[in-house]
Each structure stands twice: as structure tokens, then as C-alpha cells.
């Protein structure tokens, strides 16, 4: 029983490797073999071509995903730079307000001390 489970799991993994183009190529090879009156052996030219197409599709998909991830990271970096810039501006605004308050206080003191 254990061997059957392991064997069926292995078969499932092998079957999962076939992409849609490879499966279509395999079916085409099977049809061609049947039309020619031959037994299909399971490794025809259309299946191999389909496998290549599936590999190319998978590589393109992975490249798109990597580009998407890189774009997301770039967006995060831009947001972080904006946060740093905003924090810097907040600190500058606090300094300007503090300076203005100090100058206003000095002017108030000068106004109180001025002769009337």
C-alpha cells in the first residue's frame, strides 16, 4: 500500500510537469501515430516542441513576475524617500516656527520697553 502511494505521488509529480503546450503536442503526436497506424511511444516531436514552448512561457512568466517585484520595490523606495523628505520638511517647518515665535517674543519685549 505504501509503495502504491509513493508511486502514485511520483506519477502525479511527473504529470504535473507537463504544460498545456506539451500536452497538446502529445495529443497531436498520438493522433498522428494513430493515423499512420503506429503505436504512440510517448515522445514525439510535437510533444518536445510543446515542452520547449512551455519552458519559454514559464521563463517569460517568471521574468514578468521579477519585473513586477522590482517595480514594487522601486515604488517602496520612492515612498520611503518621500517620507524622509516630508520628515525633513516637517523639521524645517518646526525650526521656522520656533524662530518666528522667538522673534515675535523679542519684538513684544521691545515694544513693552519702548518709551511711551
N, C-alpha and C. Protein backbone atom coordinates (compact mmCIF):
# COMPACT_ATOMS: atom_id res chain seq x y z
N UNK A 1 0.83 -1.19 0.00
CA UNK A 1 0.00 0.00 0.00
C UNK A 1 0.87 1.25 0.00
N UNK A 2 1.92 1.23 0.82
CA UNK A 2 2.82 2.37 0.91
C UNK A 2 3.50 2.63 -0.44
N UNK A 3 3.93 1.57 -1.11
CA UNK A 3 4.58 1.69 -2.41
C UNK A 3 3.62 2.31 -3.43
N UNK A 4 2.37 1.92 -3.37
CA UNK A 4 1.39 2.45 -4.32
C UNK A 4 1.21 3.96 -4.11
N UNK A 5 1.17 4.39 -2.84
CA UNK A 5 1.04 5.82 -2.56
C UNK A 5 2.25 6.59 -3.07
N UNK A 6 3.43 6.06 -2.82
CA UNK A 6 4.65 6.74 -3.28
C UNK A 6 4.70 6.76 -4.80
N UNK A 7 4.38 5.64 -5.42
CA UNK A 7 4.39 5.57 -6.89
C UNK A 7 3.36 6.52 -7.49
N UNK A 8 2.17 6.58 -6.89
CA UNK A 8 1.14 7.47 -7.43
C UNK A 8 1.53 8.93 -7.21
N UNK A 9 2.21 9.23 -6.10
CA UNK A 9 2.67 10.60 -5.87
C UNK A 9 3.73 10.97 -6.89
N UNK A 10 4.63 10.04 -7.18
CA UNK A 10 5.66 10.29 -8.20
C UNK A 10 5.05 10.48 -9.57
N UNK A 11 4.05 9.68 -9.90
CA UNK A 11 3.37 9.81 -11.19
C UNK A 11 2.66 11.15 -11.27
N UNK A 12 2.06 11.56 -10.18
CA UNK A 12 1.37 12.85 -10.15
C UNK A 12 2.37 13.99 -10.40
N UNK A 13 3.54 13.91 -9.79
CA UNK A 13 4.55 14.94 -9.99
C UNK A 13 5.02 14.99 -11.44
N UNK A 14 5.21 13.84 -12.05
CA UNK A 14 5.63 13.79 -13.45
C UNK A 14 4.52 14.36 -14.33
N UNK A 15 3.29 14.02 -14.05
CA UNK A 15 2.17 14.53 -14.84
C UNK A 15 2.02 16.04 -14.66
N UNK A 16 2.33 16.53 -13.48
CA UNK A 16 2.21 17.96 -13.22
C UNK A 16 3.24 18.77 -13.98
N UNK A 17 4.31 18.14 -14.42
CA UNK A 17 5.35 18.84 -15.17
C UNK A 17 4.91 19.18 -16.59
N UNK A 18 3.96 18.45 -17.13
CA UNK A 18 3.50 18.70 -18.50
C UNK A 18 2.68 19.97 -18.52
N UNK A 19 3.12 20.91 -19.34
CA UNK A 19 2.37 22.14 -19.50
C UNK A 19 1.33 21.97 -20.58
N UNK A 20 0.51 22.98 -20.81
CA UNK A 20 -0.56 22.87 -21.80
C UNK A 20 -0.05 22.65 -23.22
N UNK A 21 1.03 23.30 -23.61
CA UNK A 21 1.55 23.11 -24.97
C UNK A 21 2.12 21.71 -25.14
N UNK A 22 2.77 21.21 -24.09
CA UNK A 22 3.32 19.85 -24.17
C UNK A 22 2.20 18.83 -24.26
N UNK A 23 1.15 19.03 -23.48
CA UNK A 23 0.00 18.12 -23.54
C UNK A 23 -0.65 18.15 -24.92
N UNK A 24 -0.79 19.35 -25.47
CA UNK A 24 -1.38 19.47 -26.81
C UNK A 24 -0.49 18.80 -27.85
N UNK A 25 0.81 18.97 -27.72
CA UNK A 25 1.75 18.32 -28.63
C UNK A 25 1.70 16.81 -28.51
N UNK A 26 1.56 16.34 -27.28
CA UNK A 26 1.46 14.90 -27.05
C UNK A 26 0.20 14.35 -27.73
N UNK A 27 -0.90 15.07 -27.57
CA UNK A 27 -2.15 14.63 -28.21
C UNK A 27 -2.01 14.63 -29.73
N UNK A 28 -1.35 15.65 -30.27
CA UNK A 28 -1.14 15.71 -31.72
C UNK A 28 -0.27 14.54 -32.19
N UNK A 29 0.79 14.25 -31.43
CA UNK A 29 1.65 13.11 -31.78
C UNK A 29 0.87 11.80 -31.74
N UNK A 30 -0.01 11.68 -30.75
CA UNK A 30 -0.81 10.47 -30.62
C UNK A 30 -1.76 10.33 -31.82
N UNK A 31 -2.38 11.42 -32.21
CA UNK A 31 -3.28 11.40 -33.37
C UNK A 31 -2.49 11.04 -34.63
N UNK A 32 -1.33 11.66 -34.81
CA UNK A 32 -0.50 11.38 -35.99
C UNK A 32 -0.07 9.92 -36.02
N UNK A 33 0.30 9.37 -34.86
CA UNK A 33 0.71 7.97 -34.80
C UNK A 33 -0.46 7.06 -35.15
N UNK A 34 -1.64 7.37 -34.62
CA UNK A 34 -2.83 6.57 -34.92
C UNK A 34 -3.18 6.62 -36.40
N UNK A 35 -3.07 7.81 -37.00
CA UNK A 35 -3.36 7.95 -38.43
C UNK A 35 -2.36 7.18 -39.28
N UNK A 36 -1.12 7.09 -38.80
CA UNK A 36 -0.08 6.36 -39.54
C UNK A 36 -0.12 4.87 -39.24
N UNK A 37 -1.02 4.48 -38.33
CA UNK A 37 -1.13 3.07 -37.97
C UNK A 37 0.01 2.58 -37.09
N UNK A 38 0.61 3.50 -36.33
CA UNK A 38 1.72 3.14 -35.45
C UNK A 38 1.29 3.29 -34.00
N UNK A 39 2.03 2.62 -33.13
CA UNK A 39 1.81 2.78 -31.69
C UNK A 39 2.51 4.06 -31.24
N UNK A 40 1.85 4.78 -30.38
CA UNK A 40 2.44 6.01 -29.85
C UNK A 40 3.36 5.64 -28.70
N UNK A 41 4.61 6.09 -28.76
CA UNK A 41 5.60 5.74 -27.73
C UNK A 41 5.72 6.78 -26.64
N UNK A 42 5.17 7.95 -26.84
CA UNK A 42 5.16 8.93 -25.75
C UNK A 42 6.21 10.01 -25.83
N UNK A 43 6.98 10.09 -26.88
CA UNK A 43 7.98 11.15 -27.01
C UNK A 43 8.06 11.61 -28.46
N UNK A 44 7.02 12.24 -28.92
CA UNK A 44 7.01 12.68 -30.32
C UNK A 44 7.54 14.10 -30.48
N UNK A 45 7.72 14.53 -31.71
CA UNK A 45 8.29 15.86 -31.96
C UNK A 45 7.39 17.00 -31.48
N UNK A 46 6.09 16.85 -31.64
CA UNK A 46 5.18 17.91 -31.20
C UNK A 46 5.19 18.05 -29.69
N UNK A 47 5.34 16.93 -29.00
CA UNK A 47 5.41 16.98 -27.54
C UNK A 47 6.68 17.72 -27.10
N UNK A 48 7.81 17.42 -27.76
CA UNK A 48 9.06 18.10 -27.42
C UNK A 48 8.98 19.60 -27.73
N UNK A 49 8.37 19.92 -28.86
CA UNK A 49 8.18 21.34 -29.20
C UNK A 49 7.29 22.01 -28.16
N UNK A 50 6.22 21.33 -27.78
CA UNK A 50 5.32 21.87 -26.75
C UNK A 50 6.03 22.07 -25.43
N UNK A 51 6.90 21.14 -25.09
CA UNK A 51 7.67 21.26 -23.85
C UNK A 51 8.56 22.50 -23.91
N UNK A 52 9.18 22.73 -25.06
CA UNK A 52 10.01 23.93 -25.23
C UNK A 52 9.18 25.20 -25.12
N UNK A 53 8.01 25.17 -25.71
CA UNK A 53 7.11 26.33 -25.63
C UNK A 53 6.71 26.58 -24.18
N UNK A 54 6.38 25.50 -23.45
CA UNK A 54 6.02 25.64 -22.04
C UNK A 54 7.17 26.22 -21.22
N UNK A 55 8.40 25.75 -21.51
CA UNK A 55 9.56 26.29 -20.79
C UNK A 55 9.74 27.77 -21.09
N UNK A 56 9.58 28.15 -22.35
CA UNK A 56 9.70 29.56 -22.73
C UNK A 56 8.61 30.40 -22.06
N UNK A 57 7.40 29.88 -22.03
CA UNK A 57 6.29 30.58 -21.37
C UNK A 57 6.57 30.75 -19.88
N UNK A 58 7.06 29.68 -19.27
CA UNK A 58 7.36 29.72 -17.83
C UNK A 58 8.47 30.74 -17.56
N UNK A 59 9.51 30.77 -18.40
CA UNK A 59 10.59 31.73 -18.23
C UNK A 59 10.08 33.16 -18.40
N UNK A 60 9.22 33.37 -19.38
CA UNK A 60 8.65 34.71 -19.60
C UNK A 60 7.79 35.13 -18.42
N UNK A 61 7.00 34.19 -17.90
CA UNK A 61 6.15 34.48 -16.74
C UNK A 61 7.02 34.84 -15.53
N UNK A 62 8.09 34.08 -15.32
CA UNK A 62 8.98 34.36 -14.20
C UNK A 62 9.67 35.71 -14.37
N UNK A 63 10.01 36.05 -15.61
CA UNK A 63 10.63 37.36 -15.88
C UNK A 63 9.64 38.49 -15.60
N UNK A 64 8.38 38.29 -16.00
CA UNK A 64 7.36 39.31 -15.72
C UNK A 64 7.16 39.47 -14.22
N UNK A 65 7.14 38.34 -13.50
CA UNK A 65 6.98 38.41 -12.05
C UNK A 65 8.16 39.12 -11.40
N UNK A 66 9.37 38.85 -11.88
CA UNK A 66 10.55 39.51 -11.34
C UNK A 66 10.50 41.01 -11.63
N UNK A 67 10.07 41.37 -12.83
CA UNK A 67 9.95 42.79 -13.19
C UNK A 67 8.89 43.47 -12.33
N UNK A 68 7.79 42.77 -12.09
CA UNK A 68 6.73 43.31 -11.25
C UNK A 68 7.24 43.53 -9.83
N UNK A 69 7.97 42.57 -9.31
CA UNK A 69 8.54 42.68 -7.97
C UNK A 69 9.53 43.84 -7.90
N UNK A 70 10.35 43.98 -8.94
CA UNK A 70 11.32 45.08 -8.97
C UNK A 70 10.60 46.43 -9.01
N UNK A 71 9.51 46.50 -9.76
CA UNK A 71 8.73 47.74 -9.83
C UNK A 71 8.11 48.06 -8.48
N UNK A 72 7.61 47.04 -7.79
CA UNK A 72 7.05 47.26 -6.45
C UNK A 72 8.12 47.77 -5.50
N UNK A 73 9.31 47.16 -5.56
CA UNK A 73 10.41 47.59 -4.70
C UNK A 73 10.80 49.03 -5.01
N UNK A 74 10.80 49.38 -6.29
CA UNK A 74 11.14 50.74 -6.68
C UNK A 74 10.10 51.71 -6.13
N UNK A 75 8.83 51.33 -6.19
CA UNK A 75 7.77 52.16 -5.63
C UNK A 75 7.93 52.34 -4.13
N UNK A 76 8.29 51.26 -3.43
CA UNK A 76 8.53 51.35 -1.98
C UNK A 76 9.69 52.29 -1.68
N UNK A 77 10.74 52.22 -2.48
CA UNK A 77 11.89 53.10 -2.28
C UNK A 77 11.50 54.56 -2.49
N UNK A 78 10.69 54.82 -3.49
CA UNK A 78 10.23 56.19 -3.75
C UNK A 78 9.39 56.70 -2.58
N UNK A 79 8.50 55.83 -2.05
CA UNK A 79 7.69 56.23 -0.89
C UNK A 79 8.57 56.52 0.32
N UNK A 80 9.58 55.70 0.53
CA UNK A 80 10.48 55.93 1.67
C UNK A 80 11.24 57.25 1.49
N UNK A 81 11.70 57.53 0.27
CA UNK A 81 12.38 58.80 0.02
C UNK A 81 11.43 59.97 0.27
N UNK A 82 10.19 59.81 -0.13
CA UNK A 82 9.20 60.86 0.11
C UNK A 82 8.97 61.06 1.61
N UNK A 83 8.93 59.95 2.36
CA UNK A 83 8.77 60.05 3.82
C UNK A 83 9.94 60.79 4.45
N UNK A 84 11.16 60.48 3.98
CA UNK A 84 12.35 61.17 4.51
C UNK A 84 12.27 62.66 4.18
N UNK A 85 11.90 62.97 2.94
CA UNK A 85 11.77 64.37 2.55
C UNK A 85 10.69 65.09 3.35
N UNK A 86 9.57 64.43 3.58
CA UNK A 86 8.48 65.03 4.36
C UNK A 86 8.92 65.26 5.81
N UNK A 87 9.64 64.31 6.37
CA UNK A 87 10.13 64.47 7.75
C UNK A 87 11.10 65.65 7.82
N UNK A 88 11.98 65.74 6.82
CA UNK A 88 12.94 66.86 6.78
C UNK A 88 12.19 68.19 6.70
N UNK A 89 11.17 68.26 5.85
CA UNK A 89 10.38 69.49 5.73
C UNK A 89 9.64 69.81 7.02
N UNK A 90 9.12 68.78 7.70
CA UNK A 90 8.45 68.99 8.99
C UNK A 90 9.42 69.60 10.00
N UNK A 91 10.64 69.07 10.04
CA UNK A 91 11.64 69.59 10.97
C UNK A 91 12.01 71.03 10.62
N UNK A 92 12.15 71.33 9.33
CA UNK A 92 12.44 72.70 8.91
C UNK A 92 11.30 73.63 9.28
N UNK A 93 10.06 73.16 9.11
CA UNK A 93 8.89 73.98 9.47
C UNK A 93 8.87 74.26 10.97
N UNK A 94 9.19 73.25 11.77
CA UNK A 94 9.25 73.46 13.23
C UNK A 94 10.31 74.50 13.58
N UNK A 95 11.46 74.42 12.92
CA UNK A 95 12.53 75.38 13.19
C UNK A 95 12.11 76.79 12.78
N UNK A 96 11.44 76.93 11.63
CA UNK A 96 10.97 78.24 11.17
C UNK A 96 9.94 78.79 12.15
N UNK A 97 9.02 77.94 12.62
CA UNK A 97 8.01 78.38 13.59
C UNK A 97 8.66 78.81 14.91
N UNK A 98 9.62 78.02 15.36
CA UNK A 98 10.30 78.36 16.61
C UNK A 98 11.04 79.68 16.47
N UNK A 99 11.71 79.89 15.35
CA UNK A 99 12.43 81.14 15.10
C UNK A 99 11.45 82.31 15.04
N UNK A 100 10.33 82.11 14.35
CA UNK A 100 9.32 83.18 14.25
C UNK A 100 8.75 83.50 15.63
N UNK A 101 8.50 82.49 16.44
CA UNK A 101 7.97 82.72 17.79
C UNK A 101 8.98 83.48 18.63
N UNK A 102 10.25 83.13 18.50
CA UNK A 102 11.29 83.80 19.27
C UNK A 102 11.42 85.26 18.83
N UNK A 103 11.38 85.52 17.53
CA UNK A 103 11.47 86.89 17.03
C UNK A 103 10.25 87.70 17.44
N UNK A 104 9.07 87.08 17.41
CA UNK A 104 7.84 87.77 17.82
C UNK A 104 7.90 88.12 19.31
N UNK A 105 8.43 87.22 20.11
CA UNK A 105 8.57 87.47 21.55
C UNK A 105 9.55 88.61 21.78
N UNK A 106 10.64 88.62 21.03
CA UNK A 106 11.62 89.70 21.17
C UNK A 106 11.00 91.03 20.78
N UNK A 107 10.22 91.06 19.73
CA UNK A 107 9.56 92.30 19.32
C UNK A 107 8.55 92.75 20.36
N UNK A 108 7.84 91.80 20.97
CA UNK A 108 6.89 92.15 22.04
C UNK A 108 7.62 92.77 23.21
N UNK A 109 8.75 92.16 23.57
CA UNK A 109 9.54 92.70 24.69
C UNK A 109 10.05 94.10 24.35
N UNK A 110 10.51 94.29 23.11
CA UNK A 110 10.99 95.60 22.69
C UNK A 110 9.87 96.63 22.74
N UNK A 111 8.67 96.21 22.34
CA UNK A 111 7.53 97.12 22.33
C UNK A 111 7.16 97.52 23.75
N UNK A 112 7.28 96.62 24.71
CA UNK A 112 6.95 96.93 26.11
C UNK A 112 7.97 97.88 26.72
N UNK A 113 9.21 97.74 26.28
CA UNK A 113 10.27 98.55 26.87
C UNK A 113 10.43 99.90 26.17
N UNK A 114 9.77 100.09 25.08
CA UNK A 114 9.90 101.36 24.35
C UNK A 114 9.26 102.48 25.16
N UNK A 115 9.86 103.67 25.10
CA UNK A 115 9.26 104.80 25.84
C UNK A 115 7.90 105.17 25.24
N UNK A 116 7.06 105.56 26.14
CA UNK A 116 5.70 105.88 25.70
C UNK A 116 5.47 107.33 25.67
